[in-house]
C-alpha atoms as a PDB file:
ATOM      1  CA  MET A   1     -22.812 -20.781  11.429  1.00  0.00           C
ATOM      2  CA  THR A   2     -23.789 -21.099   7.828  1.00  0.00           C
ATOM      3  CA  VAL A   3     -26.621 -23.334   6.867  1.00  0.00           C
ATOM      4  CA  SER A   4     -26.421 -24.222   3.147  1.00  0.00           C
ATOM      5  CA  THR A   5     -23.548 -25.889   1.434  1.00  0.00           C
ATOM      6  CA  SER A   6     -23.017 -23.157  -0.846  1.00  0.00           C
ATOM      7  CA  SER A   7     -22.698 -20.721   1.845  1.00  0.00           C
ATOM      8  CA  GLN A   8     -20.318 -22.822   3.781  1.00  0.00           C
ATOM      9  CA  LYS A   9     -18.080 -23.052   0.642  1.00  0.00           C
ATOM     10  CA  THR A  10     -18.329 -19.262   0.186  1.00  0.00           C
ATOM     11  CA  ALA A  11     -17.261 -18.876   3.877  1.00  0.00           C
ATOM     12  CA  ARG A  12     -14.255 -21.210   3.216  1.00  0.00           C
ATOM     13  CA  VAL A  13     -13.123 -19.323   0.032  1.00  0.00           C
ATOM     14  CA  ALA A  14     -13.477 -16.011   1.941  1.00  0.00           C
ATOM     15  CA  GLU A  15     -11.149 -17.373   4.774  1.00  0.00           C
ATOM     16  CA  ARG A  16      -8.588 -18.564   2.231  1.00  0.00           C
ATOM     17  CA  LYS A  17      -8.515 -15.251   0.450  1.00  0.00           C
ATOM     18  CA  ARG A  18      -8.308 -13.354   3.727  1.00  0.00           C
ATOM     19  CA  THR A  19      -5.371 -15.364   4.899  1.00  0.00           C
ATOM     20  CA  TYR A  20      -3.554 -14.918   1.487  1.00  0.00           C
ATOM     21  CA  ASN A  21      -4.351 -11.145   1.265  1.00  0.00           C
ATOM     22  CA  LYS A  22      -3.318 -10.145   4.871  1.00  0.00           C
ATOM     23  CA  PRO A  23       0.360 -10.428   4.616  1.00  0.00           C
ATOM     24  CA  VAL A  24       0.263  -8.529   1.251  1.00  0.00           C
ATOM     25  CA  ARG A  25      -1.761  -5.760   2.808  1.00  0.00           C
ATOM     26  CA  SER A  26       0.444  -5.672   5.817  1.00  0.00           C
ATOM     27  CA  SER A  27       3.554  -5.370   3.690  1.00  0.00           C
ATOM     28  CA  VAL A  28       2.085  -2.510   1.501  1.00  0.00           C
ATOM     29  CA  LYS A  29       1.031  -0.724   4.622  1.00  0.00           C
ATOM     30  CA  THR A  30       4.532  -1.026   6.289  1.00  0.00           C
ATOM     31  CA  LYS A  31       6.226   0.280   3.154  1.00  0.00           C
ATOM     32  CA  VAL A  32       3.930   3.236   2.780  1.00  0.00           C
ATOM     33  CA  LYS A  33       4.254   4.009   6.424  1.00  0.00           C
ATOM     34  CA  THR A  34       8.131   3.770   6.252  1.00  0.00           C
ATOM     35  CA  ALA A  35       8.086   6.108   3.214  1.00  0.00           C
ATOM     36  CA  GLU A  36       5.888   8.580   5.011  1.00  0.00           C
ATOM     37  CA  ASN A  37       8.119   8.589   8.056  1.00  0.00           C
ATOM     38  CA  LEU A  38      11.226   9.259   5.973  1.00  0.00           C
ATOM     39  CA  ILE A  39       9.466  12.050   4.106  1.00  0.00           C
ATOM     40  CA  ALA A  40       8.363  13.660   7.430  1.00  0.00           C
ATOM     41  CA  SER A  41      11.987  13.486   8.752  1.00  0.00           C
ATOM     42  CA  LYS A  42      13.148  15.031   5.584  1.00  0.00           C
ATOM     43  CA  GLU A  43      15.715  12.288   4.754  1.00  0.00           C
ATOM     44  CA  LEU A  44      15.052  12.687   0.964  1.00  0.00           C
ATOM     45  CA  GLU A  45      17.401  10.189  -0.713  1.00  0.00           C
ATOM     46  CA  GLN A  46      16.143   7.425   1.549  1.00  0.00           C
ATOM     47  CA  ALA A  47      12.625   8.734   1.125  1.00  0.00           C
ATOM     48  CA  GLU A  48      12.849   8.512  -2.683  1.00  0.00           C
ATOM     49  CA  GLN A  49      13.998   4.818  -2.367  1.00  0.00           C
ATOM     50  CA  ALA A  50      11.261   3.936   0.108  1.00  0.00           C
ATOM     51  CA  VAL A  51       8.563   5.736  -2.008  1.00  0.00           C
ATOM     52  CA  SER A  52       9.808   3.685  -4.976  1.00  0.00           C
ATOM     53  CA  LYS A  53       9.340   0.452  -3.073  1.00  0.00           C
ATOM     54  CA  ALA A  54       5.992   1.391  -1.717  1.00  0.00           C
ATOM     55  CA  VAL A  55       4.788   2.180  -5.267  1.00  0.00           C
ATOM     56  CA  SER A  56       5.918  -0.952  -6.505  1.00  0.00           C
ATOM     57  CA  ALA A  57       4.229  -2.795  -3.698  1.00  0.00           C
ATOM     58  CA  LEU A  58       1.006  -0.940  -4.167  1.00  0.00           C
ATOM     59  CA  ASP A  59       1.160  -1.908  -7.949  1.00  0.00           C
ATOM     60  CA  ARG A  60       1.732  -5.527  -7.156  1.00  0.00           C
ATOM     61  CA  ALA A  61      -1.062  -5.630  -4.628  1.00  0.00           C
ATOM     62  CA  ALA A  62      -3.439  -3.917  -7.137  1.00  0.00           C
ATOM     63  CA  GLN A  63      -2.361  -6.421  -9.903  1.00  0.00           C
ATOM     64  CA  LYS A  64      -3.192  -9.374  -7.501  1.00  0.00           C
ATOM     65  CA  LYS A  65      -6.376  -7.535  -6.761  1.00  0.00           C
ATOM     66  CA  VAL A  66      -5.704  -7.565  -2.996  1.00  0.00           C
ATOM     67  CA  ILE A  67      -6.490  -3.785  -3.042  1.00  0.00           C
ATOM     68  CA  HIS A  68      -8.528  -1.952  -5.673  1.00  0.00           C
ATOM     69  CA  ARG A  69      -6.480  -0.304  -8.383  1.00  0.00           C
ATOM     70  CA  ASN A  70      -8.102   3.076  -7.790  1.00  0.00           C
ATOM     71  CA  SER A  71      -7.158   2.820  -3.984  1.00  0.00           C
ATOM     72  CA  ALA A  72      -3.487   1.939  -5.097  1.00  0.00           C
ATOM     73  CA  GLY A  73      -3.530   5.012  -7.446  1.00  0.00           C
ATOM     74  CA  ARG A  74      -4.795   7.307  -4.895  1.00  0.00           C
ATOM     75  CA  GLN A  75      -2.239   6.130  -2.265  1.00  0.00           C
ATOM     76  CA  LYS A  76       0.627   6.514  -4.848  1.00  0.00           C
ATOM     77  CA  SER A  77      -0.593   9.965  -5.832  1.00  0.00           C
ATOM     78  CA  ARG A  78      -0.735  11.079  -2.221  1.00  0.00           C
ATOM     79  CA  LEU A  79       2.706   9.670  -1.480  1.00  0.00           C
ATOM     80  CA  MET A  80       4.310  11.295  -4.429  1.00  0.00           C
ATOM     81  CA  ALA A  81       2.636  14.640  -3.696  1.00  0.00           C
ATOM     82  CA  LYS A  82       4.122  14.480  -0.130  1.00  0.00           C
ATOM     83  CA  LEU A  83       7.548  13.764  -1.498  1.00  0.00           C
ATOM     84  CA  HIS A  84       7.527  16.430  -4.091  1.00  0.00           C
ATOM     85  CA  SER A  85       6.168  19.183  -1.727  1.00  0.00           C
ATOM     86  CA  THR A  86       8.934  18.212   0.800  1.00  0.00           C
ATOM     87  CA  LYS A  87      11.511  18.479  -2.005  1.00  0.00           C
ATOM     88  CA  THR A  88      10.233  21.853  -3.057  1.00  0.00           C
ATOM     89  CA  THR A  89      10.283  23.222   0.472  1.00  0.00           C
ATOM     90  CA  GLN A  90      13.770  21.918   0.931  1.00  0.00           C
ATOM     91  CA  ALA A  91      15.049  23.453  -2.400  1.00  0.00           C
ATOM     92  CA  SER A  92      13.472  26.796  -1.672  1.00  0.00           C
ATOM     93  CA  LYS A  93      15.365  27.168   1.750  1.00  0.00           C
END
């Protein structure tokens, strides 16, 4: 248990932030996972829509500072790369 009053306040603030951020993080993870699964199953039209929703969720989470903006950018980049590589392999067949 914390001793000083300032550390007690810090612990309360951290708990409030955690409870606020948890559903946002969970929602982002769900949308990214859904997009990745659709890309893997090669359902491109649905995957494009899911990627769009995932990118939007990542941007919102970064804007709210729930996740770091560079982390959001990295995840968006990887997701788009997966989608484009799947598109090009489908188009070449």
